[in-house]
N, C-alpha and C. Protein backbone atom coordinates (compact mmCIF):
# COMPACT_ATOMS: atom_id res chain seq x y z
N MET A 1 167.62 104.84 163.94
CA MET A 1 166.89 104.82 165.00
C MET A 1 165.26 104.36 164.62
N GLY A 2 164.25 103.72 164.53
CA GLY A 2 163.16 103.59 164.34
C GLY A 2 162.67 102.10 164.99
N LEU A 3 161.31 102.22 164.44
CA LEU A 3 160.84 100.49 164.65
C LEU A 3 160.98 100.01 163.56
N ASP A 4 161.20 98.46 163.59
CA ASP A 4 161.69 97.93 162.71
C ASP A 4 160.76 96.17 163.07
N GLN A 5 160.51 96.17 162.34
CA GLN A 5 158.83 94.91 162.84
C GLN A 5 159.54 93.59 162.04
N TYR A 6 159.22 92.44 162.19
CA TYR A 6 159.61 91.38 161.44
C TYR A 6 158.65 89.90 161.80
N ALA A 7 158.30 89.55 160.42
CA ALA A 7 157.77 88.11 160.72
C ALA A 7 158.84 86.99 160.17
N TYR A 8 158.19 85.82 160.88
CA TYR A 8 159.46 84.28 161.15
C TYR A 8 158.45 83.38 161.43
N THR A 9 158.72 82.47 160.14
CA THR A 9 158.29 81.07 160.53
C THR A 9 159.03 80.41 161.14
N THR A 10 158.37 79.07 162.21
CA THR A 10 160.06 78.13 162.66
C THR A 10 159.38 77.42 162.56
N THR A 11 159.68 76.04 163.38
CA THR A 11 159.10 75.19 163.47
C THR A 11 159.57 74.68 165.32
N ARG A 12 159.71 76.47 165.69
CA ARG A 12 159.89 75.49 166.87
C ARG A 12 159.09 75.67 168.09
N GLU A 13 159.39 74.83 169.32
CA GLU A 13 158.12 74.41 170.01
C GLU A 13 157.68 75.34 170.67
N ASP A 14 158.58 76.36 171.38
CA ASP A 14 158.11 77.48 172.18
C ASP A 14 157.79 78.38 171.19
N ALA A 15 157.51 78.06 170.01
CA ALA A 15 157.11 79.43 169.98
C ALA A 15 155.37 79.47 169.74
N VAL A 16 155.20 79.68 170.89
CA VAL A 16 153.39 80.20 171.34
C VAL A 16 153.25 80.95 172.66
N GLY A 17 151.94 81.50 171.71
CA GLY A 17 151.18 82.89 172.61
C GLY A 17 152.21 83.63 172.32
N ALA A 18 152.28 84.51 173.48
CA ALA A 18 153.47 85.69 174.17
C ALA A 18 154.92 84.85 174.59
N PHE A 19 155.75 85.17 173.76
CA PHE A 19 156.87 84.24 174.24
C PHE A 19 158.28 84.97 174.37
N ALA A 20 158.90 84.74 175.27
CA ALA A 20 160.47 85.44 175.32
C ALA A 20 161.25 84.79 174.18
N ASN A 21 161.84 85.79 173.17
CA ASN A 21 162.62 85.64 171.86
C ASN A 21 163.81 86.01 172.08
N THR A 22 164.41 85.56 172.88
CA THR A 22 165.66 85.83 173.26
C THR A 22 167.21 85.50 172.64
N GLU A 23 167.03 84.30 172.54
CA GLU A 23 167.25 83.44 171.49
C GLU A 23 168.19 84.00 169.92
N ASP A 24 169.47 83.08 169.96
CA ASP A 24 169.56 83.12 167.96
C ASP A 24 169.26 82.28 167.65
N HIS A 25 167.82 82.15 166.49
CA HIS A 25 167.20 80.97 166.75
C HIS A 25 167.56 80.99 164.77
N GLU A 26 168.95 81.31 163.86
CA GLU A 26 169.28 80.89 163.22
C GLU A 26 169.20 79.62 162.73
N GLY A 27 168.73 79.06 161.78
CA GLY A 27 168.75 77.84 160.72
C GLY A 27 167.06 77.29 161.63
N THR A 28 166.45 77.34 162.32
CA THR A 28 165.40 77.49 163.33
C THR A 28 164.15 78.01 162.72
N ASP A 29 164.60 79.70 162.35
CA ASP A 29 163.35 80.72 162.12
C ASP A 29 163.62 81.11 160.35
N THR A 30 162.86 81.47 160.09
CA THR A 30 163.16 81.82 158.63
C THR A 30 162.39 83.60 158.44
N LEU A 31 162.94 84.53 157.78
CA LEU A 31 162.06 85.72 157.61
C LEU A 31 161.45 85.36 156.52
N ILE A 32 160.10 86.07 157.14
CA ILE A 32 159.32 86.04 155.79
C ILE A 32 158.84 87.71 155.53
N HIS A 33 158.87 88.78 156.45
CA HIS A 33 158.50 90.05 155.95
C HIS A 33 158.63 90.72 157.12
N THR A 34 158.81 92.07 156.42
CA THR A 34 159.43 93.34 157.59
C THR A 34 158.97 94.24 157.09
N TRP A 35 158.34 95.24 157.89
CA TRP A 35 158.16 96.24 157.91
C TRP A 35 158.62 97.75 159.06
N ARG A 36 158.88 98.99 158.33
CA ARG A 36 159.54 100.00 158.95
C ARG A 36 158.64 100.70 159.30
N LYS A 37 158.89 100.74 160.56
CA LYS A 37 157.92 102.38 161.06
C LYS A 37 156.23 102.29 160.70
N HIS A 38 155.52 101.26 161.30
CA HIS A 38 153.82 100.44 161.11
C HIS A 38 153.52 100.72 162.03
N PRO A 39 153.74 101.74 162.88
CA PRO A 39 153.10 101.73 164.39
C PRO A 39 152.18 100.91 164.80
N ASP A 40 150.95 101.43 163.81
CA ASP A 40 149.66 100.85 163.98
C ASP A 40 149.38 99.21 164.03
N LEU A 41 150.07 98.63 163.09
CA LEU A 41 150.31 97.18 162.89
C LEU A 41 151.24 96.90 164.49
N HIS A 42 151.79 97.67 164.40
CA HIS A 42 152.76 96.98 166.22
C HIS A 42 151.33 96.99 167.53
N GLY A 43 151.03 98.14 166.82
CA GLY A 43 149.41 98.23 168.26
C GLY A 43 148.63 96.87 167.97
N TRP A 44 148.47 96.76 167.01
CA TRP A 44 147.64 95.14 166.71
C TRP A 44 148.05 94.21 167.34
N MET A 45 149.62 94.29 167.23
CA MET A 45 150.16 93.02 167.66
C MET A 45 150.64 93.06 169.35
N GLU A 46 150.82 94.50 169.40
CA GLU A 46 150.98 94.86 171.05
C GLU A 46 149.39 94.30 172.10
N ARG A 47 148.26 94.60 171.22
CA ARG A 47 146.82 93.92 172.08
C ARG A 47 146.91 92.04 172.08
N LEU A 48 147.68 91.74 170.60
CA LEU A 48 147.37 90.60 170.75
C LEU A 48 148.41 89.63 171.46
N TYR A 49 149.17 90.24 171.72
CA TYR A 49 150.54 89.80 172.72
C TYR A 49 149.91 90.15 174.24
N GLU A 50 149.48 90.99 174.27
CA GLU A 50 148.78 91.46 175.62
C GLU A 50 147.56 90.23 176.03
N ALA A 51 147.05 89.59 174.79
CA ALA A 51 145.37 88.60 175.31
C ALA A 51 145.92 87.70 175.64
N LYS A 52 147.76 87.49 174.59
CA LYS A 52 148.46 85.91 175.01
C LYS A 52 148.98 85.59 176.10
N GLY A 53 149.08 86.46 176.66
CA GLY A 53 149.74 86.70 178.59
C GLY A 53 150.90 87.80 178.34
N GLY A 54 151.13 88.41 177.45
CA GLY A 54 152.37 88.76 177.59
C GLY A 54 151.87 90.33 178.27
N ALA A 55 152.72 91.31 178.66
CA ALA A 55 152.83 92.33 179.61
C ALA A 55 151.75 93.63 178.88
N GLY A 56 151.28 94.32 179.76
CA GLY A 56 149.95 95.86 179.24
C GLY A 56 150.39 96.59 178.11
N VAL A 57 149.15 97.49 178.34
CA VAL A 57 149.41 98.42 176.83
C VAL A 57 148.98 99.48 177.72
N GLN A 58 149.43 100.40 176.98
CA GLN A 58 149.06 102.29 178.05
C GLN A 58 148.44 102.29 176.93
N ILE A 59 147.70 103.23 177.73
CA ILE A 59 146.83 104.71 176.69
C ILE A 59 146.46 105.94 177.27
N ASP A 60 147.03 106.90 175.97
CA ASP A 60 147.63 108.35 176.73
C ASP A 60 145.75 108.51 175.75
N THR A 61 145.79 110.07 176.69
CA THR A 61 144.47 111.01 175.97
C THR A 61 144.71 111.90 175.55
N ASP A 62 145.34 112.89 174.55
CA ASP A 62 145.98 113.83 174.46
C ASP A 62 145.10 115.19 174.70
N ALA A 63 145.33 116.44 174.26
CA ALA A 63 144.86 117.57 174.34
C ALA A 63 143.45 117.60 173.65
N ASP A 64 143.14 117.06 173.01
CA ASP A 64 141.81 116.97 172.66
C ASP A 64 140.76 116.00 172.93
N GLY A 65 141.18 115.27 173.57
CA GLY A 65 140.70 114.18 173.68
C GLY A 65 140.88 112.64 173.56
N VAL A 66 141.63 112.77 172.63
CA VAL A 66 141.68 111.56 171.22
C VAL A 66 142.63 110.68 172.34
N GLN A 67 141.70 109.26 172.17
CA GLN A 67 142.92 107.90 173.10
C GLN A 67 143.91 107.31 172.54
N HIS A 68 145.38 107.20 172.64
CA HIS A 68 146.37 106.73 171.85
C HIS A 68 146.91 105.52 172.69
N GLN A 69 147.26 104.53 171.54
CA GLN A 69 147.80 103.83 172.68
C GLN A 69 149.35 103.91 172.69
N CYS A 70 149.77 104.00 173.18
CA CYS A 70 151.48 104.01 173.20
C CYS A 70 152.55 102.52 174.08
N MET A 71 153.18 102.40 173.21
CA MET A 71 154.11 101.58 173.61
C MET A 71 155.01 101.84 174.44
N GLY A 72 155.27 100.44 175.57
CA GLY A 72 156.54 100.51 176.55
C GLY A 72 157.51 99.56 176.28
N ASP A 73 158.06 99.21 177.45
CA ASP A 73 159.25 98.76 176.85
C ASP A 73 158.80 97.23 177.17
N GLU A 74 157.63 96.49 177.38
CA GLU A 74 156.88 95.67 177.56
C GLU A 74 157.30 94.52 176.19
N PHE A 75 157.01 95.33 174.82
CA PHE A 75 156.97 94.33 173.65
C PHE A 75 157.78 95.39 173.49
N ASN A 76 159.34 94.52 172.67
CA ASN A 76 159.91 94.79 171.91
C ASN A 76 161.19 93.37 171.95
N ALA A 77 162.57 93.68 171.39
CA ALA A 77 163.24 93.12 171.51
C ALA A 77 163.35 91.78 172.35
N GLY A 78 163.09 90.85 171.95
CA GLY A 78 163.51 89.28 173.01
C GLY A 78 161.66 89.35 173.20
N GLN A 79 160.83 89.64 172.77
CA GLN A 79 159.57 89.51 173.06
C GLN A 79 158.85 89.10 171.63
N ALA A 80 157.70 88.46 171.46
CA ALA A 80 157.42 87.74 170.15
C ALA A 80 155.82 87.35 170.92
N VAL A 81 154.89 87.20 169.35
CA VAL A 81 153.68 87.28 169.72
C VAL A 81 153.73 86.10 167.88
N ALA A 82 153.02 84.71 168.54
CA ALA A 82 152.55 83.98 167.73
C ALA A 82 151.35 84.24 167.07
N LEU A 83 151.68 83.90 165.85
CA LEU A 83 149.87 84.07 165.14
C LEU A 83 149.29 82.71 164.47
N ASP A 84 147.99 82.39 165.02
CA ASP A 84 147.19 81.17 164.67
C ASP A 84 146.71 81.51 162.98
N ALA A 85 146.08 80.92 162.38
CA ALA A 85 144.91 81.26 160.99
C ALA A 85 143.81 82.47 162.31
N GLY A 86 142.90 82.07 162.90
CA GLY A 86 141.99 82.82 163.84
C GLY A 86 142.65 84.28 163.86
N ASP A 87 144.07 84.44 164.49
CA ASP A 87 144.51 85.69 164.77
C ASP A 87 144.70 86.13 163.45
N LEU A 88 145.13 85.83 162.05
CA LEU A 88 145.32 86.23 160.47
C LEU A 88 144.24 86.41 160.37
N ASP A 89 143.12 86.13 160.49
CA ASP A 89 141.95 86.34 160.24
C ASP A 89 140.98 87.84 160.58
N LYS A 90 141.56 88.20 162.18
CA LYS A 90 141.21 88.88 162.34
C LYS A 90 142.06 90.20 162.31
N LEU A 91 143.68 90.12 162.04
CA LEU A 91 144.04 90.76 161.42
C LEU A 91 143.43 91.25 159.90
N GLU A 92 143.11 90.06 159.10
CA GLU A 92 142.80 90.93 157.68
C GLU A 92 141.35 92.19 158.08
N GLU A 93 141.17 91.45 158.49
CA GLU A 93 139.32 92.06 158.91
C GLU A 93 139.56 93.61 159.28
N ALA A 94 140.97 93.35 159.78
CA ALA A 94 141.45 94.97 160.62
C ALA A 94 142.02 96.05 159.16
N VAL A 95 142.85 95.07 158.85
CA VAL A 95 143.26 96.15 158.34
C VAL A 95 142.64 96.49 157.00
N ARG A 96 141.61 95.31 155.90
CA ARG A 96 140.83 95.69 155.35
C ARG A 96 139.76 97.07 155.61
N ALA A 97 139.71 97.21 156.83
CA ALA A 97 138.48 98.06 157.38
C ALA A 97 139.39 99.08 157.68
N ASN A 98 140.68 99.50 157.82
CA ASN A 98 141.42 100.09 158.15
C ASN A 98 141.50 100.71 159.41
N ALA A 99 141.45 99.74 160.80
CA ALA A 99 141.21 99.91 162.03
C ALA A 99 142.32 99.35 162.96
N LEU A 100 143.11 99.73 162.23
CA LEU A 100 144.42 99.59 162.95
C LEU A 100 144.21 100.63 163.96
N PRO A 101 144.74 99.85 165.62
CA PRO A 101 145.07 101.02 166.57
C PRO A 101 145.88 101.82 166.05
N THR A 102 145.16 103.56 166.11
CA THR A 102 146.43 104.59 166.46
C THR A 102 147.23 104.40 167.24
N THR A 103 148.74 104.10 166.84
CA THR A 103 149.81 103.67 167.94
C THR A 103 151.15 104.60 167.97
N ARG A 104 151.23 105.67 168.92
CA ARG A 104 152.53 106.27 169.09
C ARG A 104 153.65 106.07 169.70
N GLY A 105 154.87 105.76 169.78
CA GLY A 105 155.98 105.44 170.73
C GLY A 105 157.03 105.93 169.89
N PHE A 106 157.91 106.42 170.90
CA PHE A 106 159.52 106.85 170.86
C PHE A 106 159.34 106.40 169.37
N PHE A 107 159.96 107.07 168.11
CA PHE A 107 160.51 106.96 166.96
C PHE A 107 159.84 105.73 166.37
N PHE A 108 158.80 106.15 166.37
CA PHE A 108 157.73 104.97 165.52
C PHE A 108 157.58 105.12 164.69
N GLY A 109 157.33 106.75 164.28
CA GLY A 109 156.90 106.66 162.82
C GLY A 109 155.29 107.12 162.87
N GLU A 110 154.84 106.52 161.60
CA GLU A 110 153.71 107.27 161.58
C GLU A 110 153.07 106.07 160.34
N SER A 111 151.74 105.23 160.31
CA SER A 111 151.56 104.13 159.62
C SER A 111 151.02 105.12 158.13
N VAL A 112 151.25 104.53 157.10
CA VAL A 112 150.77 105.44 155.92
C VAL A 112 149.66 104.37 155.34
N PRO A 113 148.77 104.45 153.76
CA PRO A 113 147.93 104.25 153.71
C PRO A 113 148.73 103.25 152.69
N GLU A 114 149.87 102.89 152.24
CA GLU A 114 150.70 102.50 151.62
C GLU A 114 151.05 100.96 152.53
N ASP A 115 150.75 101.37 154.00
CA ASP A 115 151.42 99.64 154.77
C ASP A 115 150.20 98.74 154.41
N LYS A 116 149.20 98.92 153.95
CA LYS A 116 147.92 98.37 154.01
C LYS A 116 148.33 96.74 152.76
N ALA A 117 148.89 97.50 151.14
CA ALA A 117 149.52 96.42 150.31
C ALA A 117 150.37 95.59 151.07
N SER A 118 151.12 96.05 151.69
CA SER A 118 152.57 95.31 152.81
C SER A 118 151.46 94.37 153.23
N ASP A 119 150.75 95.02 153.89
CA ASP A 119 149.37 93.91 155.49
C ASP A 119 148.99 92.69 154.85
N LEU A 120 148.40 92.95 153.96
CA LEU A 120 147.81 91.66 152.40
C LEU A 120 149.21 90.83 152.50
N GLU A 121 149.81 91.22 151.59
CA GLU A 121 151.15 90.31 150.96
C GLU A 121 151.79 89.64 152.22
N PHE A 122 151.76 90.05 153.55
CA PHE A 122 151.84 89.49 154.55
C PHE A 122 151.14 87.77 155.00
N LEU A 123 149.89 88.99 155.15
CA LEU A 123 148.94 87.47 155.40
C LEU A 123 148.94 86.72 154.50
N LYS A 124 148.52 86.81 153.30
CA LYS A 124 149.46 85.71 152.49
C LYS A 124 150.28 84.84 152.40
N LYS A 125 151.33 85.11 152.93
CA LYS A 125 152.51 84.33 153.29
C LYS A 125 152.14 83.64 155.03
N ALA A 126 152.13 83.98 155.37
CA ALA A 126 151.52 83.65 156.61
C ALA A 126 150.60 82.50 156.22
N ARG A 127 149.61 82.66 155.81
CA ARG A 127 148.54 81.72 155.95
C ARG A 127 149.08 80.64 154.84
N GLU A 128 149.92 81.33 153.46
CA GLU A 128 151.13 79.86 153.68
C GLU A 128 151.73 78.61 154.04
N ALA A 129 152.29 79.59 154.97
CA ALA A 129 153.19 78.87 156.01
C ALA A 129 152.35 77.59 157.24
N LEU A 130 151.30 78.39 157.33
CA LEU A 130 150.78 78.13 158.53
C LEU A 130 150.23 76.23 157.82
N GLU A 131 150.05 76.33 156.30
CA GLU A 131 148.99 75.22 155.56
C GLU A 131 150.20 74.62 155.39
N LYS A 132 151.43 74.78 155.98
CA LYS A 132 152.71 74.27 155.66
C LYS A 132 152.90 73.16 157.16
N GLY A 133 152.52 73.68 157.88
CA GLY A 133 152.62 73.20 159.43
C GLY A 133 153.62 73.82 159.96
N LEU A 134 153.94 75.21 159.76
CA LEU A 134 155.16 76.03 160.20
C LEU A 134 154.60 77.20 161.58
N ARG A 135 155.15 77.36 162.08
CA ARG A 135 154.15 78.13 162.91
C ARG A 135 154.55 79.62 162.16
N VAL A 136 153.61 80.64 162.90
CA VAL A 136 154.41 82.23 162.56
C VAL A 136 154.38 83.65 163.64
N TYR A 137 155.18 83.77 164.09
CA TYR A 137 155.30 84.72 165.14
C TYR A 137 155.91 86.07 164.43
N TYR A 138 155.76 87.44 165.61
CA TYR A 138 155.76 88.67 164.86
C TYR A 138 156.78 89.28 166.24
N THR A 139 157.54 89.99 166.04
CA THR A 139 158.58 91.08 166.57
C THR A 139 159.19 91.93 166.05
N SER A 140 159.71 92.50 166.78
CA SER A 140 160.26 94.15 166.66
C SER A 140 161.83 94.02 167.29
N TRP A 141 161.92 94.97 166.72
CA TRP A 141 162.77 95.64 167.17
C TRP A 141 163.39 97.58 167.55
N TRP A 142 163.14 98.13 168.30
CA TRP A 142 163.00 99.61 168.59
C TRP A 142 163.83 100.71 169.63
């Protein structure tokens, strides 16, 4: 049990913005990257999902006064966010600056420094896909 994260490419017309991804799209979608328990990336994607019209983000403050982003049921299996070239540029900037938002959730685990190399690998694959005219999207299951 835990946070499983996926990036896909697709030719589907409905893979734009924040979108419902509840159907089986085998044959039209290709898995290009996975992550396991990288909640800070998920938090970044949640914010993008919200900016593109998806449901809201919950911010909690711990006993030390530090704010942490917490996920609700709004951005889980069945929800996805499409990534364009500008999104990938912003994500790369956040990854390289170690500026992904600290995110917590039930069984999410913790992001670790080793995730950075995986994020950069994803960015390369995602940019290559966009150059080929494919759409790229992120979704998760937890």
